[in-house]
Amino acid sequence: MIISCRGDNEQLLKEADLDIFNLSKKVLREKKHISFRRSLKDTLKNFPTSLKFFASRNKTSKVYIAIIISGGMGDILRQKDALFDILEIFPEAVIDLYGKTYRRFFSDVGNIRFVFGRYFIGFSRSKYDIIIDYFSSDNVTSGICDLTINSSKTNDLVRFKKDFEDIKKRYNNLFDFNSQYSFQKKALNEGLNFNSVAKLTAGVKDFKKISLPLDFKEQDISKFGLCKSVKYITFQHGWGDKGYVPGVVQPATHLWETKNWIELFKEIKNTLPEYKIVQIGLASPYIDHVDVNLVGKTSFDEFCSVIKYSSLHVDTDCGCVHIAKAVKTKVIVLFGPSNAKYVGYDDNINIVSTSCRDCFVINKWYESCVRGFQSPICMQSIKPNFVVNVIREFFQK
């Protein structure tokens, strides 16, 4: 569900749309060029595993798949979701994982044989029947996969290749694009979003099914003063390990200002005093009026358990939103630079900026406002009193 925080300023939105369209022309999604030096570096870094790889022989009866992962927690979870669907087609496939980010997320995939740095694929590409490649040269992740099918040695591979060719014919307009921005627009016109694109471009026909498989062990969180029966609201003021430290680290463009969180918590204390406020994350400063500060104090399993039993999670467009989705916790998400229709979940409450938005398809969009504003007007337009009213309405329902 998408909620606009105030009436649209049509003129600002038109100007923003034109600016972002022109800027996005410079950012094409191209296959990452992998130099010999980069490939050699990853080979030496994983030398024992690399030797085992080259010494192993592929069995003709097996399907061998490489998946090259990219992005943050949410991106990885959705890429894993696509892999799970492909494993329904090739349940006995041998999987090699490229890119060690969030390797923990794949601990429940029993088919994984080796894990490499992503550039090792420069030496190993010819050894695979299928290459599922989410990595791109522009460092912008829109869920697009560069799928390569190298083999027709089994009937399942023949069918998979034919199904993918049918997908490309059905969405021919989508596969022909000149920028991330035009791709996103085409996808939305086709009724697609990040989740379905991550699957469709990887050759998955049933791309509307979203499960976000997450492997974690449920933990006892009583040591934090929390449990299933305690009413509490979780929030994060950071972005993975890129937390906002005033005077030291410049906040990412899609983060809400500290003063807004403080104002929001004051209002929650006044109107919803029965709910504790719990701050979570890997790195960010303590915010006034928080009852329990767990920043950097939990294991991954504890972190997931805290979110799982939260009455509500409030966040900007960050990895915690996807973890909350995976553990079935309701989320209110504040959207600025990223497109809520494209990256958001319909069953969340998505609050969108109505002054400017959707520039996350521009390279380095998270470091500074792509339109040159010192403080992004997209996030400025979302006010604490509006958010607290949405929270109150949620609990009333």
Protein backbone atom coordinates (compact mmCIF):
# COMPACT_ATOMS: atom_id res chain seq x y z
CA MET A 1 0.00 0.00 0.00
CA ILE A 2 1.34 3.42 -0.97
CA ILE A 3 0.47 6.57 0.99
CA SER A 4 1.44 10.05 -0.22
CA CYS A 5 2.45 12.29 2.65
CA ARG A 6 0.90 15.42 1.10
CA GLY A 7 -0.63 16.63 -2.16
CA ASP A 8 1.66 16.14 -5.15
CA ASN A 9 3.61 19.15 -6.32
CA GLU A 10 3.18 18.37 -10.01
CA GLN A 11 5.68 20.96 -11.23
CA LEU A 12 8.48 19.69 -8.96
CA LEU A 13 7.72 16.11 -9.93
CA LYS A 14 7.85 16.95 -13.65
CA GLU A 15 11.17 18.75 -13.21
CA ALA A 16 12.56 15.86 -11.16
CA ASP A 17 11.41 13.30 -13.72
CA LEU A 18 13.13 15.20 -16.54
CA ASP A 19 16.33 15.70 -14.53
CA ILE A 20 16.56 12.04 -13.56
CA PHE A 21 15.75 10.86 -17.09
CA ASN A 22 18.58 12.96 -18.53
CA LEU A 23 21.02 11.90 -15.82
CA SER A 24 20.14 8.23 -16.23
CA LYS A 25 21.14 8.26 -19.91
CA LYS A 26 24.73 8.25 -18.68
CA VAL A 27 24.17 5.08 -16.67
CA LEU A 28 23.63 2.05 -18.86
CA ARG A 29 23.41 -1.45 -17.51
CA GLU A 30 26.32 -3.21 -19.13
CA LYS A 31 27.91 -6.56 -18.40
CA LYS A 32 30.80 -6.05 -16.01
CA HIS A 33 34.17 -6.13 -17.74
CA ILE A 34 36.34 -8.56 -15.83
CA SER A 35 40.03 -7.97 -16.33
CA PHE A 36 42.67 -10.71 -16.19
CA ARG A 37 44.20 -9.00 -13.14
CA ARG A 38 40.91 -9.04 -11.20
CA SER A 39 40.27 -12.68 -12.08
CA LEU A 40 43.79 -13.65 -11.04
CA LYS A 41 43.43 -11.77 -7.74
CA ASP A 42 40.26 -13.70 -6.84
CA THR A 43 41.90 -16.96 -7.94
CA LEU A 44 44.87 -16.42 -5.61
CA LYS A 45 42.64 -15.23 -2.78
CA ASN A 46 40.75 -18.55 -2.90
CA PHE A 47 43.71 -20.61 -4.08
CA PRO A 48 42.92 -24.01 -2.44
CA THR A 49 39.28 -23.79 -3.57
CA SER A 50 40.34 -22.66 -7.05
CA LEU A 51 42.61 -25.71 -7.39
CA LYS A 52 39.76 -28.00 -6.33
CA PHE A 53 37.51 -26.32 -8.89
CA PHE A 54 39.91 -26.83 -11.81
CA ALA A 55 40.67 -30.39 -10.68
CA SER A 56 36.99 -31.36 -10.55
CA ARG A 57 35.25 -32.78 -13.59
CA ASN A 58 31.68 -31.99 -14.49
CA LYS A 59 29.39 -35.01 -14.72
CA THR A 60 27.29 -35.15 -17.86
CA SER A 61 24.22 -36.09 -15.81
CA LYS A 62 24.46 -32.96 -13.62
CA VAL A 63 23.53 -29.33 -14.31
CA TYR A 64 26.13 -26.81 -13.11
CA ILE A 65 24.99 -23.31 -12.20
CA ALA A 66 26.95 -20.17 -11.25
CA ILE A 67 25.09 -17.36 -9.48
CA ILE A 68 26.86 -14.02 -9.21
CA ILE A 69 25.24 -12.00 -6.43
CA SER A 70 25.36 -8.25 -5.92
CA GLY A 71 23.95 -5.50 -3.72
CA GLY A 72 22.75 -5.34 -0.12
CA MET A 73 20.67 -7.63 2.07
CA GLY A 74 17.40 -7.05 0.24
CA ASP A 75 18.97 -7.56 -3.18
CA ILE A 76 20.65 -10.79 -2.05
CA LEU A 77 17.45 -12.18 -0.54
CA ARG A 78 15.54 -11.57 -3.77
CA GLN A 79 18.33 -13.09 -5.84
CA LYS A 80 18.24 -16.12 -3.56
CA ASP A 81 14.47 -16.32 -4.04
CA ALA A 82 15.03 -16.57 -7.81
CA LEU A 83 17.67 -19.27 -7.26
CA PHE A 84 15.22 -21.29 -5.14
CA ASP A 85 12.71 -21.22 -8.00
CA ILE A 86 15.37 -22.37 -10.47
CA LEU A 87 16.26 -25.22 -8.10
CA GLU A 88 12.65 -26.40 -8.41
CA ILE A 89 13.45 -26.97 -12.10
CA PHE A 90 16.94 -28.40 -11.45
CA PRO A 91 16.72 -29.89 -7.93
CA GLU A 92 19.99 -31.83 -8.29
CA ALA A 93 21.99 -28.94 -9.77
CA VAL A 94 25.48 -28.11 -8.49
CA ILE A 95 25.68 -24.44 -7.44
CA ASP A 96 28.78 -22.25 -7.19
CA LEU A 97 28.27 -18.89 -5.49
CA TYR A 98 30.20 -15.80 -6.60
CA GLY A 99 30.40 -12.83 -4.27
CA LYS A 100 30.86 -13.47 -0.56
CA THR A 101 28.53 -10.74 0.67
CA TYR A 102 25.90 -12.19 3.02
CA ARG A 103 27.13 -15.74 2.45
CA ARG A 104 25.16 -16.63 5.59
CA PHE A 105 21.93 -16.14 3.63
CA PHE A 106 22.79 -19.18 1.49
CA SER A 107 23.66 -21.55 4.36
CA ASP A 108 20.44 -23.51 3.81
CA VAL A 109 21.14 -24.18 0.12
CA GLY A 110 22.52 -27.70 0.23
CA ASN A 111 23.50 -27.67 -3.45
CA ILE A 112 26.30 -25.10 -3.01
CA ARG A 113 29.72 -26.53 -3.81
CA PHE A 114 32.21 -23.62 -3.87
CA VAL A 115 32.14 -19.91 -2.96
CA PHE A 116 34.38 -17.50 -4.87
CA GLY A 117 35.01 -13.80 -5.24
CA ARG A 118 32.84 -12.52 -8.09
CA TYR A 119 35.73 -11.89 -10.52
CA PHE A 120 36.83 -15.53 -10.56
CA ILE A 121 34.01 -16.06 -13.07
CA GLY A 122 36.41 -14.59 -15.66
CA PHE A 123 38.37 -17.86 -15.55
CA SER A 124 35.54 -20.29 -14.88
CA ARG A 125 32.63 -19.17 -17.11
CA SER A 126 32.95 -22.02 -19.63
CA LYS A 127 32.48 -24.67 -16.92
CA TYR A 128 28.79 -23.86 -16.32
CA ASP A 129 25.56 -24.81 -18.01
CA ILE A 130 23.77 -21.75 -16.59
CA ILE A 131 25.20 -18.44 -15.36
CA ILE A 132 22.85 -16.25 -13.30
CA ASP A 133 24.62 -12.88 -13.23
CA TYR A 134 23.20 -10.00 -11.14
CA PHE A 135 26.42 -7.98 -11.24
CA SER A 136 26.71 -4.87 -13.43
CA SER A 137 29.27 -2.22 -14.21
CA ASP A 138 27.20 0.73 -13.01
CA ASN A 139 26.85 -0.44 -9.38
CA VAL A 140 23.10 0.15 -9.64
CA THR A 141 21.01 -2.86 -8.66
CA SER A 142 17.54 -3.02 -10.22
CA GLY A 143 17.11 -6.77 -10.02
CA ILE A 144 18.18 -7.30 -13.63
CA CYS A 145 19.92 -10.61 -14.32
CA ASP A 146 22.18 -11.29 -17.29
CA LEU A 147 21.25 -14.94 -17.84
CA THR A 148 23.51 -17.17 -19.93
CA ILE A 149 22.50 -20.71 -20.91
CA ASN A 150 25.55 -22.52 -22.27
CA SER A 151 24.23 -26.04 -22.62
CA SER A 152 21.41 -28.22 -23.91
CA LYS A 153 22.75 -31.51 -22.55
CA THR A 154 19.54 -32.43 -20.68
CA ASN A 155 15.86 -32.16 -21.57
CA ASP A 156 15.32 -29.83 -18.60
CA LEU A 157 17.97 -27.46 -19.95
CA VAL A 158 16.35 -27.51 -23.39
CA ARG A 159 12.97 -26.65 -21.85
CA PHE A 160 14.50 -23.98 -19.62
CA LYS A 161 16.17 -22.32 -22.61
CA LYS A 162 12.93 -22.40 -24.62
CA ASP A 163 10.95 -20.95 -21.70
CA PHE A 164 13.47 -18.11 -21.40
CA GLU A 165 13.24 -17.37 -25.12
CA ASP A 166 9.44 -17.24 -24.71
CA ILE A 167 9.84 -14.81 -21.79
CA LYS A 168 12.05 -12.55 -23.91
CA LYS A 169 9.49 -12.57 -26.73
CA ARG A 170 6.65 -11.81 -24.30
CA TYR A 171 8.59 -8.93 -22.71
CA ASN A 172 10.59 -7.91 -25.78
CA ASN A 173 10.16 -4.22 -24.98
CA LEU A 174 11.58 -4.79 -21.51
CA PHE A 175 14.76 -6.52 -22.63
CA ASP A 176 15.62 -3.68 -25.02
CA PHE A 177 16.53 -0.62 -22.92
CA ASN A 178 19.12 2.16 -22.89
CA SER A 179 19.23 3.11 -19.21
CA GLN A 180 18.20 1.90 -15.77
CA TYR A 181 15.52 4.58 -15.63
CA SER A 182 13.90 3.55 -18.92
CA PHE A 183 14.06 -0.10 -17.81
CA GLN A 184 12.26 0.71 -14.57
CA LYS A 185 9.55 2.65 -16.40
CA LYS A 186 9.02 -0.20 -18.86
CA ALA A 187 8.87 -2.76 -16.06
CA LEU A 188 6.23 -0.79 -14.16
CA ASN A 189 4.19 -0.37 -17.35
CA GLU A 190 4.25 -4.18 -17.68
CA GLY A 191 3.00 -4.55 -14.09
CA LEU A 192 6.40 -5.78 -12.88
CA ASN A 193 8.56 -4.81 -9.91
CA PHE A 194 12.03 -5.58 -8.55
CA ASN A 195 10.99 -8.99 -7.22
CA SER A 196 9.42 -10.19 -10.44
CA VAL A 197 12.23 -8.73 -12.58
CA ALA A 198 14.86 -10.57 -10.49
CA LYS A 199 13.08 -13.81 -11.36
CA LEU A 200 11.86 -13.10 -14.88
CA THR A 201 15.28 -12.05 -16.19
CA ALA A 202 16.73 -15.19 -14.55
CA GLY A 203 14.39 -17.36 -16.61
CA VAL A 204 11.71 -18.01 -13.98
CA LYS A 205 8.19 -18.13 -15.42
CA ASP A 206 6.32 -18.10 -12.09
CA PHE A 207 7.93 -14.83 -11.02
CA LYS A 208 4.95 -13.52 -9.06
CA LYS A 209 5.57 -15.91 -6.18
CA ILE A 210 7.64 -14.13 -3.49
CA SER A 211 8.94 -16.10 -0.53
CA LEU A 212 12.26 -14.41 0.42
CA PRO A 213 13.76 -17.54 2.02
CA LEU A 214 15.83 -16.58 5.06
CA ASP A 215 17.68 -19.10 7.20
CA PHE A 216 18.06 -18.06 10.84
CA LYS A 217 17.78 -19.75 14.20
CA GLU A 218 15.15 -18.25 16.45
CA GLN A 219 16.75 -16.81 19.60
CA ASP A 220 15.62 -16.04 23.12
CA ILE A 221 15.54 -12.22 23.26
CA SER A 222 14.57 -11.91 26.92
CA LYS A 223 18.08 -10.70 27.78
CA PHE A 224 17.16 -7.49 25.94
CA GLY A 225 13.98 -7.10 27.99
CA LEU A 226 11.93 -8.28 25.01
CA CYS A 227 9.73 -11.30 24.28
CA LYS A 228 6.68 -12.29 22.27
CA SER A 229 4.28 -10.72 24.77
CA VAL A 230 6.08 -7.34 25.01
CA LYS A 231 4.69 -4.59 22.80
CA TYR A 232 7.51 -2.83 20.97
CA ILE A 233 8.28 -0.96 17.78
CA THR A 234 11.64 -1.43 16.04
CA PHE A 235 13.39 1.07 13.81
CA GLN A 236 16.76 1.59 12.15
CA HIS A 237 18.64 4.84 11.55
CA GLY A 238 21.33 3.61 9.20
CA TRP A 239 22.04 1.46 6.19
CA GLY A 240 23.76 -1.85 6.92
CA ASP A 241 27.19 -0.99 8.29
CA LYS A 242 26.94 2.49 6.75
CA GLY A 243 25.36 4.16 9.74
CA TYR A 244 25.01 7.90 10.07
CA VAL A 245 27.54 9.36 12.54
CA PRO A 246 27.01 13.15 12.92
CA GLY A 247 30.10 15.13 11.98
CA VAL A 248 31.93 12.00 10.80
CA VAL A 249 29.84 10.18 8.20
CA GLN A 250 27.54 11.97 5.77
CA PRO A 251 24.06 10.41 5.90
CA ALA A 252 22.96 8.51 2.80
CA THR A 253 20.34 10.35 0.77
CA HIS A 254 17.58 7.86 1.61
CA LEU A 255 17.95 8.21 5.40
CA TRP A 256 15.62 10.33 7.51
CA GLU A 257 17.22 13.10 9.55
CA THR A 258 17.91 12.39 13.25
CA LYS A 259 15.71 15.30 14.35
CA ASN A 260 12.75 13.67 12.57
CA TRP A 261 13.20 10.38 14.45
CA ILE A 262 13.41 12.27 17.76
CA GLU A 263 10.21 14.15 16.99
CA LEU A 264 8.47 10.92 15.94
CA PHE A 265 9.42 9.15 19.19
CA LYS A 266 8.19 12.05 21.30
CA GLU A 267 4.82 11.72 19.61
CA ILE A 268 4.77 7.92 20.04
CA LYS A 269 5.56 8.31 23.76
CA ASN A 270 2.62 10.71 24.11
CA THR A 271 0.05 8.76 22.12
CA LEU A 272 1.21 5.11 22.34
CA PRO A 273 2.94 4.88 25.74
CA GLU A 274 2.37 1.10 25.99
CA TYR A 275 4.88 0.46 23.18
CA LYS A 276 8.61 0.30 23.79
CA ILE A 277 10.86 1.82 21.13
CA VAL A 278 13.76 -0.42 20.10
CA GLN A 279 16.66 0.80 17.98
CA ILE A 280 18.40 -1.86 15.87
CA GLY A 281 21.12 -1.95 13.21
CA LEU A 282 24.84 -2.42 12.72
CA ALA A 283 26.00 1.18 12.98
CA SER A 284 24.24 4.44 13.91
CA PRO A 285 24.14 6.86 16.86
CA TYR A 286 21.75 6.44 19.78
CA ILE A 287 18.60 8.52 19.35
CA ASP A 288 16.87 10.21 22.29
CA HIS A 289 13.66 8.65 23.63
CA VAL A 290 14.69 5.11 22.67
CA ASP A 291 13.90 2.50 25.36
CA VAL A 292 16.23 -0.26 24.14
CA ASN A 293 19.34 0.41 22.04
CA LEU A 294 20.53 -2.77 20.28
CA VAL A 295 22.77 -1.19 17.63
CA GLY A 296 25.75 -3.49 17.16
CA LYS A 297 24.71 -5.61 20.17
CA THR A 298 22.97 -8.57 18.52
CA SER A 299 24.01 -11.60 16.54
CA PHE A 300 22.36 -12.03 13.15
CA ASP A 301 19.91 -14.59 14.58
CA GLU A 302 19.04 -12.31 17.52
CA PHE A 303 18.63 -9.42 15.11
CA CYS A 304 16.08 -11.39 13.05
CA SER A 305 14.27 -12.60 16.18
CA VAL A 306 13.93 -9.04 17.51
CA ILE A 307 12.35 -7.96 14.21
CA LYS A 308 10.14 -11.06 14.06
CA TYR A 309 8.40 -10.30 17.36
CA SER A 310 8.15 -6.55 16.82
CA SER A 311 4.62 -5.15 16.71
CA LEU A 312 5.78 -2.89 13.87
CA HIS A 313 9.03 -2.02 12.13
CA VAL A 314 9.61 1.55 10.87
CA ASP A 315 12.44 2.21 8.44
CA THR A 316 13.67 3.86 5.29
CA ASP A 317 14.35 1.72 2.21
CA CYS A 318 17.04 -0.54 3.73
CA GLY A 319 17.88 -4.22 4.23
CA CYS A 320 15.87 -4.52 7.46
CA VAL A 321 12.69 -4.02 5.43
CA HIS A 322 13.41 -7.22 3.49
CA ILE A 323 14.31 -9.17 6.62
CA ALA A 324 11.03 -8.02 8.17
CA LYS A 325 9.21 -9.21 5.04
CA ALA A 326 10.97 -12.59 5.30
CA VAL A 327 9.94 -13.04 8.96
CA LYS A 328 6.41 -11.68 8.28
CA THR A 329 6.55 -8.48 10.33
CA LYS A 330 4.54 -5.43 9.24
CA VAL A 331 6.65 -2.47 8.08
CA ILE A 332 6.13 1.23 7.52
CA VAL A 333 8.72 2.37 4.97
CA LEU A 334 9.68 5.98 4.21
CA PHE A 335 10.59 6.28 0.53
CA GLY A 336 12.56 9.13 -1.03
CA PRO A 337 15.10 8.39 -3.79
CA SER A 338 13.93 4.81 -4.44
CA ASN A 339 10.72 3.96 -6.24
CA ALA A 340 8.13 2.49 -3.85
CA LYS A 341 6.16 0.90 -6.69
CA TYR A 342 9.26 -0.84 -8.02
CA VAL A 343 11.21 -1.89 -4.91
CA GLY A 344 8.48 -1.88 -2.24
CA TYR A 345 6.11 -4.63 -1.08
CA ASP A 346 2.37 -4.19 -1.54
CA ASP A 347 1.56 -5.51 1.94
CA ASN A 348 3.79 -2.92 3.63
CA ILE A 349 2.72 0.64 4.34
CA ASN A 350 4.89 2.68 1.96
CA ILE A 351 5.01 6.43 2.56
CA VAL A 352 6.28 8.23 -0.52
CA SER A 353 7.74 11.66 -1.07
CA THR A 354 5.66 13.89 -3.31
CA SER A 355 8.22 16.56 -4.15
CA CYS A 356 10.91 14.49 -5.88
CA ARG A 357 11.75 10.79 -6.07
CA ASP A 358 12.94 7.74 -8.04
CA CYS A 359 16.60 8.69 -8.63
CA PHE A 360 18.04 5.43 -7.27
CA VAL A 361 18.81 4.40 -10.85
CA ILE A 362 21.61 6.98 -10.97
CA ASN A 363 25.14 5.91 -10.04
CA LYS A 364 26.15 7.02 -6.49
CA TRP A 365 22.60 8.26 -5.81
CA TYR A 366 22.98 7.32 -2.13
CA GLU A 367 26.09 9.49 -1.57
CA SER A 368 24.62 12.87 -2.53
CA CYS A 369 21.46 14.26 -4.08
CA VAL A 370 21.72 13.76 -7.84
CA ARG A 371 19.88 17.05 -8.40
CA GLY A 372 22.37 18.96 -6.28
CA PHE A 373 20.32 19.70 -3.15
CA GLN A 374 22.41 19.74 0.02
CA SER A 375 19.65 17.95 1.90
CA PRO A 376 17.43 15.82 -0.40
CA ILE A 377 14.00 17.39 -0.64
CA CYS A 378 12.43 13.96 -1.13
CA MET A 379 13.09 12.89 2.48
CA GLN A 380 12.54 16.42 3.82
CA SER A 381 8.96 16.32 2.59
CA ILE A 382 8.06 13.41 4.90
CA LYS A 383 7.10 14.94 8.26
CA PRO A 384 7.10 13.20 11.69
CA ASN A 385 3.51 14.19 12.49
CA PHE A 386 2.33 12.52 9.29
CA VAL A 387 4.23 9.32 10.09
CA VAL A 388 2.92 9.13 13.66
CA ASN A 389 -0.65 9.46 12.36
CA VAL A 390 -0.03 6.52 10.02
CA ILE A 391 1.36 4.50 12.96
CA ARG A 392 -1.65 5.33 15.13
CA GLU A 393 -4.04 4.35 12.37
CA PHE A 394 -2.19 1.06 11.90
CA PHE A 395 -2.58 0.11 15.57
CA GLN A 396 -6.22 1.23 15.64
CA LYS A 397 -6.92 -1.25 12.85
